[in-house]
Amino acid sequence: MADEQTITDLKDLGTADAFPTAVNSQVTSTAPLREKIVDKQGRAYATGRRKDAVARVWLKPGTGKITINGRDQEVYFARPTLRLVINQPFGLTDRIGSYDIVATVKGGGLSGQAGAVLHGISQALTRFEPALRGVVKSAGFLTRDSRTVERKKYGKAKARRSFQFSKR
């Protein structure tokens, strides 16, 4: 019984020196995959799109003021749900009140414009802080929502709705 091992011998086997290839080969890098992209004024720029709306968004550190087409967000998006949509990336990343947003939006309706601003803010936020990209991407904010209105077909009242059937 010369091959018997004690508990202290087993404890010595579990150290990093006993298995240098298994433990020491795992090297983790803390550097982000992408670089910070800002202009000369220290702003991050991005374009957001939704339906027929296109939003140009500039993000810079500040107090949390959001300006859309020269107006405050409460004035431009009167509905609270649209304001909630715009502020989703900040709530998700715990950055509420830390960035100022200046956005210009064209085309579409208010709902599409809010989606476009959301997309633009998310893109600009990941350009300013690349470490947040994984969180914002997993929430689906970096993907353009490609759903659009289906076109009207001939012989139909709308895209799929038929005219009312008359028996007589």
C-alpha atoms as a PDB file:
ATOM      1  CA  MET A   1       0.000   0.000   0.000  1.00  0.00           C
ATOM      2  CA  ALA A   2       2.776   2.403  -0.891  1.00  0.00           C
ATOM      3  CA  ASP A   3       0.518   4.200  -3.415  1.00  0.00           C
ATOM      4  CA  GLU A   4      -1.839   5.583  -0.772  1.00  0.00           C
ATOM      5  CA  GLN A   5      -2.250   9.351  -0.736  1.00  0.00           C
ATOM      6  CA  THR A   6      -3.259  11.511   2.151  1.00  0.00           C
ATOM      7  CA  ILE A   7      -5.514  14.545   2.093  1.00  0.00           C
ATOM      8  CA  THR A   8      -2.546  16.908   2.238  1.00  0.00           C
ATOM      9  CA  ASP A   9      -1.083  15.276  -0.864  1.00  0.00           C
ATOM     10  CA  LEU A  10      -4.357  15.811  -2.740  1.00  0.00           C
ATOM     11  CA  LYS A  11      -4.445  19.454  -1.660  1.00  0.00           C
ATOM     12  CA  ASP A  12      -1.000  19.989  -3.174  1.00  0.00           C
ATOM     13  CA  LEU A  13      -2.209  18.578  -6.500  1.00  0.00           C
ATOM     14  CA  GLY A  14      -4.916  21.268  -6.804  1.00  0.00           C
ATOM     15  CA  THR A  15      -2.485  24.194  -6.985  1.00  0.00           C
ATOM     16  CA  ALA A  16      -1.742  26.109 -10.177  1.00  0.00           C
ATOM     17  CA  ASP A  17       1.808  24.741 -10.330  1.00  0.00           C
ATOM     18  CA  ALA A  18       0.526  21.185 -10.715  1.00  0.00           C
ATOM     19  CA  PHE A  19      -1.491  22.094 -13.849  1.00  0.00           C
ATOM     20  CA  PRO A  20       0.227  25.071 -15.484  1.00  0.00           C
ATOM     21  CA  THR A  21      -1.359  24.639 -18.908  1.00  0.00           C
ATOM     22  CA  ALA A  22      -4.952  24.477 -17.671  1.00  0.00           C
ATOM     23  CA  VAL A  23      -4.971  27.483 -15.366  1.00  0.00           C
ATOM     24  CA  ASN A  24      -2.328  29.838 -16.756  1.00  0.00           C
ATOM     25  CA  SER A  25      -3.500  29.602 -20.382  1.00  0.00           C
ATOM     26  CA  GLN A  26      -6.702  31.566 -19.672  1.00  0.00           C
ATOM     27  CA  VAL A  27      -5.770  35.167 -20.388  1.00  0.00           C
ATOM     28  CA  THR A  28      -8.609  37.672 -20.246  1.00  0.00           C
ATOM     29  CA  SER A  29      -8.343  41.041 -21.915  1.00  0.00           C
ATOM     30  CA  THR A  30     -10.157  44.015 -20.429  1.00  0.00           C
ATOM     31  CA  ALA A  31      -9.797  46.171 -23.550  1.00  0.00           C
ATOM     32  CA  PRO A  32     -13.051  46.845 -25.437  1.00  0.00           C
ATOM     33  CA  LEU A  33     -13.475  45.337 -28.872  1.00  0.00           C
ATOM     34  CA  ARG A  34     -14.146  48.727 -30.457  1.00  0.00           C
ATOM     35  CA  GLU A  35     -12.698  52.182 -30.031  1.00  0.00           C
ATOM     36  CA  LYS A  36     -14.447  55.321 -28.813  1.00  0.00           C
ATOM     37  CA  ILE A  37     -15.602  57.386 -31.800  1.00  0.00           C
ATOM     38  CA  VAL A  38     -16.110  61.095 -31.087  1.00  0.00           C
ATOM     39  CA  ASP A  39     -15.738  64.304 -33.111  1.00  0.00           C
ATOM     40  CA  LYS A  40     -13.709  67.428 -32.293  1.00  0.00           C
ATOM     41  CA  GLN A  41     -16.390  68.731 -29.898  1.00  0.00           C
ATOM     42  CA  GLY A  42     -16.401  65.437 -27.959  1.00  0.00           C
ATOM     43  CA  ARG A  43     -19.749  64.271 -29.335  1.00  0.00           C
ATOM     44  CA  ALA A  44     -20.700  60.840 -30.637  1.00  0.00           C
ATOM     45  CA  TYR A  45     -22.821  60.847 -33.807  1.00  0.00           C
ATOM     46  CA  ALA A  46     -25.158  58.142 -35.090  1.00  0.00           C
ATOM     47  CA  THR A  47     -28.063  57.705 -37.481  1.00  0.00           C
ATOM     48  CA  GLY A  48     -31.215  55.877 -36.423  1.00  0.00           C
ATOM     49  CA  ARG A  49     -33.984  54.580 -38.688  1.00  0.00           C
ATOM     50  CA  ARG A  50     -37.490  53.229 -38.159  1.00  0.00           C
ATOM     51  CA  LYS A  51     -40.282  52.916 -40.747  1.00  0.00           C
ATOM     52  CA  ASP A  52     -39.920  56.049 -42.924  1.00  0.00           C
ATOM     53  CA  ALA A  53     -38.258  58.133 -40.191  1.00  0.00           C
ATOM     54  CA  VAL A  54     -34.546  58.986 -40.114  1.00  0.00           C
ATOM     55  CA  ALA A  55     -32.937  60.506 -37.011  1.00  0.00           C
ATOM     56  CA  ARG A  56     -29.505  62.122 -36.771  1.00  0.00           C
ATOM     57  CA  VAL A  57     -28.348  61.973 -33.140  1.00  0.00           C
ATOM     58  CA  TRP A  58     -25.460  63.714 -31.364  1.00  0.00           C
ATOM     59  CA  LEU A  59     -24.616  62.553 -27.830  1.00  0.00           C
ATOM     60  CA  LYS A  60     -22.319  64.385 -25.395  1.00  0.00           C
ATOM     61  CA  PRO A  61     -21.785  64.306 -21.614  1.00  0.00           C
ATOM     62  CA  GLY A  62     -24.178  66.622 -19.828  1.00  0.00           C
ATOM     63  CA  THR A  63     -27.219  66.868 -17.595  1.00  0.00           C
ATOM     64  CA  GLY A  64     -29.673  64.653 -19.482  1.00  0.00           C
ATOM     65  CA  LYS A  65     -31.363  67.277 -21.686  1.00  0.00           C
ATOM     66  CA  ILE A  66     -32.887  65.825 -24.856  1.00  0.00           C
ATOM     67  CA  THR A  67     -33.591  68.224 -27.739  1.00  0.00           C
ATOM     68  CA  ILE A  68     -35.407  67.047 -30.862  1.00  0.00           C
ATOM     69  CA  ASN A  69     -35.676  69.349 -33.888  1.00  0.00           C
ATOM     70  CA  GLY A  70     -34.869  72.331 -31.656  1.00  0.00           C
ATOM     71  CA  ARG A  71     -37.635  71.530 -29.152  1.00  0.00           C
ATOM     72  CA  ASP A  72     -37.564  69.816 -25.766  1.00  0.00           C
ATOM     73  CA  GLN A  73     -38.591  66.143 -25.700  1.00  0.00           C
ATOM     74  CA  GLU A  74     -41.722  66.895 -23.622  1.00  0.00           C
ATOM     75  CA  VAL A  75     -42.902  69.322 -26.294  1.00  0.00           C
ATOM     76  CA  TYR A  76     -41.994  67.255 -29.359  1.00  0.00           C
ATOM     77  CA  PHE A  77     -43.146  63.873 -27.999  1.00  0.00           C
ATOM     78  CA  ALA A  78     -46.232  64.798 -25.974  1.00  0.00           C
ATOM     79  CA  ARG A  79     -47.189  61.160 -25.315  1.00  0.00           C
ATOM     80  CA  PRO A  80     -45.384  59.700 -22.267  1.00  0.00           C
ATOM     81  CA  THR A  81     -44.978  56.322 -23.988  1.00  0.00           C
ATOM     82  CA  LEU A  82     -42.865  57.881 -26.725  1.00  0.00           C
ATOM     83  CA  ARG A  83     -40.646  59.550 -24.130  1.00  0.00           C
ATOM     84  CA  LEU A  84     -40.282  56.183 -22.381  1.00  0.00           C
ATOM     85  CA  VAL A  85     -39.160  54.634 -25.669  1.00  0.00           C
ATOM     86  CA  ILE A  86     -36.475  57.289 -26.123  1.00  0.00           C
ATOM     87  CA  ASN A  87     -35.095  56.903 -22.575  1.00  0.00           C
ATOM     88  CA  GLN A  88     -34.866  53.083 -22.647  1.00  0.00           C
ATOM     89  CA  PRO A  89     -31.113  52.871 -23.459  1.00  0.00           C
ATOM     90  CA  PHE A  90     -30.245  55.163 -20.552  1.00  0.00           C
ATOM     91  CA  GLY A  91     -32.353  53.186 -18.074  1.00  0.00           C
ATOM     92  CA  LEU A  92     -30.862  49.929 -19.290  1.00  0.00           C
ATOM     93  CA  THR A  93     -27.264  51.123 -18.860  1.00  0.00           C
ATOM     94  CA  ASP A  94     -27.818  53.215 -15.676  1.00  0.00           C
ATOM     95  CA  ARG A  95     -26.841  56.436 -17.469  1.00  0.00           C
ATOM     96  CA  ILE A  96     -29.996  58.475 -16.766  1.00  0.00           C
ATOM     97  CA  GLY A  97     -29.163  62.178 -16.694  1.00  0.00           C
ATOM     98  CA  SER A  98     -25.537  61.815 -17.747  1.00  0.00           C
ATOM     99  CA  TYR A  99     -25.748  62.658 -21.468  1.00  0.00           C
ATOM    100  CA  ASP A 100     -27.246  65.487 -23.506  1.00  0.00           C
ATOM    101  CA  ILE A 101     -28.925  64.532 -26.776  1.00  0.00           C
ATOM    102  CA  VAL A 102     -29.445  66.724 -29.830  1.00  0.00           C
ATOM    103  CA  ALA A 103     -31.449  65.014 -32.572  1.00  0.00           C
ATOM    104  CA  THR A 104     -32.993  65.983 -35.891  1.00  0.00           C
ATOM    105  CA  VAL A 105     -35.739  63.742 -37.240  1.00  0.00           C
ATOM    106  CA  LYS A 106     -37.390  63.669 -40.664  1.00  0.00           C
ATOM    107  CA  GLY A 107     -40.108  61.533 -42.197  1.00  0.00           C
ATOM    108  CA  GLY A 108     -42.683  59.139 -40.838  1.00  0.00           C
ATOM    109  CA  GLY A 109     -45.033  59.671 -37.924  1.00  0.00           C
ATOM    110  CA  LEU A 110     -44.351  60.257 -34.253  1.00  0.00           C
ATOM    111  CA  SER A 111     -44.076  56.563 -33.380  1.00  0.00           C
ATOM    112  CA  GLY A 112     -41.586  55.920 -36.172  1.00  0.00           C
ATOM    113  CA  GLN A 113     -39.637  59.019 -35.222  1.00  0.00           C
ATOM    114  CA  ALA A 114     -39.426  57.873 -31.594  1.00  0.00           C
ATOM    115  CA  GLY A 115     -38.131  54.495 -32.770  1.00  0.00           C
ATOM    116  CA  ALA A 116     -35.583  56.204 -35.001  1.00  0.00           C
ATOM    117  CA  VAL A 117     -34.354  58.392 -32.126  1.00  0.00           C
ATOM    118  CA  LEU A 118     -34.112  55.275 -29.913  1.00  0.00           C
ATOM    119  CA  HIS A 119     -32.021  53.528 -32.557  1.00  0.00           C
ATOM    120  CA  GLY A 120     -29.795  56.583 -32.984  1.00  0.00           C
ATOM    121  CA  ILE A 121     -29.273  57.078 -29.237  1.00  0.00           C
ATOM    122  CA  SER A 122     -28.339  53.421 -28.830  1.00  0.00           C
ATOM    123  CA  GLN A 123     -25.825  53.611 -31.688  1.00  0.00           C
ATOM    124  CA  ALA A 124     -24.310  56.856 -30.371  1.00  0.00           C
ATOM    125  CA  LEU A 125     -24.107  55.496 -26.822  1.00  0.00           C
ATOM    126  CA  THR A 126     -22.128  52.476 -27.984  1.00  0.00           C
ATOM    127  CA  ARG A 127     -19.794  54.740 -29.954  1.00  0.00           C
ATOM    128  CA  PHE A 128     -19.190  56.926 -26.894  1.00  0.00           C
ATOM    129  CA  GLU A 129     -18.868  53.984 -24.463  1.00  0.00           C
ATOM    130  CA  PRO A 130     -17.950  50.807 -26.390  1.00  0.00           C
ATOM    131  CA  ALA A 131     -18.100  48.718 -23.197  1.00  0.00           C
ATOM    132  CA  LEU A 132     -21.908  49.154 -23.176  1.00  0.00           C
ATOM    133  CA  ARG A 133     -22.340  47.561 -26.598  1.00  0.00           C
ATOM    134  CA  GLY A 134     -23.102  44.068 -25.278  1.00  0.00           C
ATOM    135  CA  VAL A 135     -25.848  45.267 -22.947  1.00  0.00           C
ATOM    136  CA  VAL A 136     -27.495  47.484 -25.553  1.00  0.00           C
ATOM    137  CA  LYS A 137     -27.199  44.852 -28.287  1.00  0.00           C
ATOM    138  CA  SER A 138     -28.712  42.099 -26.146  1.00  0.00           C
ATOM    139  CA  ALA A 139     -31.738  44.348 -25.549  1.00  0.00           C
ATOM    140  CA  GLY A 140     -32.148  44.628 -29.351  1.00  0.00           C
ATOM    141  CA  PHE A 141     -31.697  48.393 -29.589  1.00  0.00           C
ATOM    142  CA  LEU A 142     -28.877  48.280 -32.148  1.00  0.00           C
ATOM    143  CA  THR A 143     -30.905  46.330 -34.696  1.00  0.00           C
ATOM    144  CA  ARG A 144     -32.962  48.395 -37.109  1.00  0.00           C
ATOM    145  CA  ASP A 145     -36.612  47.405 -36.945  1.00  0.00           C
ATOM    146  CA  SER A 146     -37.272  46.738 -40.613  1.00  0.00           C
ATOM    147  CA  ARG A 147     -41.058  46.378 -40.367  1.00  0.00           C
ATOM    148  CA  THR A 148     -42.859  48.794 -42.648  1.00  0.00           C
ATOM    149  CA  VAL A 149     -46.441  49.306 -43.780  1.00  0.00           C
ATOM    150  CA  GLU A 150     -47.611  46.824 -46.399  1.00  0.00           C
ATOM    151  CA  ARG A 151     -48.624  48.449 -49.669  1.00  0.00           C
ATOM    152  CA  LYS A 152     -52.210  48.671 -50.866  1.00  0.00           C
ATOM    153  CA  LYS A 153     -53.187  46.153 -53.550  1.00  0.00           C
ATOM    154  CA  TYR A 154     -55.585  46.793 -56.413  1.00  0.00           C
ATOM    155  CA  GLY A 155     -59.080  45.375 -55.956  1.00  0.00           C
ATOM    156  CA  LYS A 156     -58.754  45.748 -52.187  1.00  0.00           C
ATOM    157  CA  ALA A 157     -59.803  48.490 -49.782  1.00  0.00           C
ATOM    158  CA  LYS A 158     -56.426  48.416 -48.024  1.00  0.00           C
ATOM    159  CA  ALA A 159     -53.454  46.034 -48.105  1.00  0.00           C
ATOM    160  CA  ARG A 160     -55.566  42.958 -47.303  1.00  0.00           C
ATOM    161  CA  ARG A 161     -59.020  44.258 -46.446  1.00  0.00           C
ATOM    162  CA  SER A 162     -61.635  43.488 -49.081  1.00  0.00           C
ATOM    163  CA  PHE A 163     -64.598  45.624 -49.938  1.00  0.00           C
ATOM    164  CA  GLN A 164     -67.826  44.692 -48.163  1.00  0.00           C
ATOM    165  CA  PHE A 165     -69.555  41.746 -49.844  1.00  0.00           C
ATOM    166  CA  SER A 166     -73.074  42.391 -51.090  1.00  0.00           C
ATOM    167  CA  LYS A 167     -75.262  39.376 -51.722  1.00  0.00           C
ATOM    168  CA  ARG A 168     -77.907  41.317 -53.663  1.00  0.00           C
END
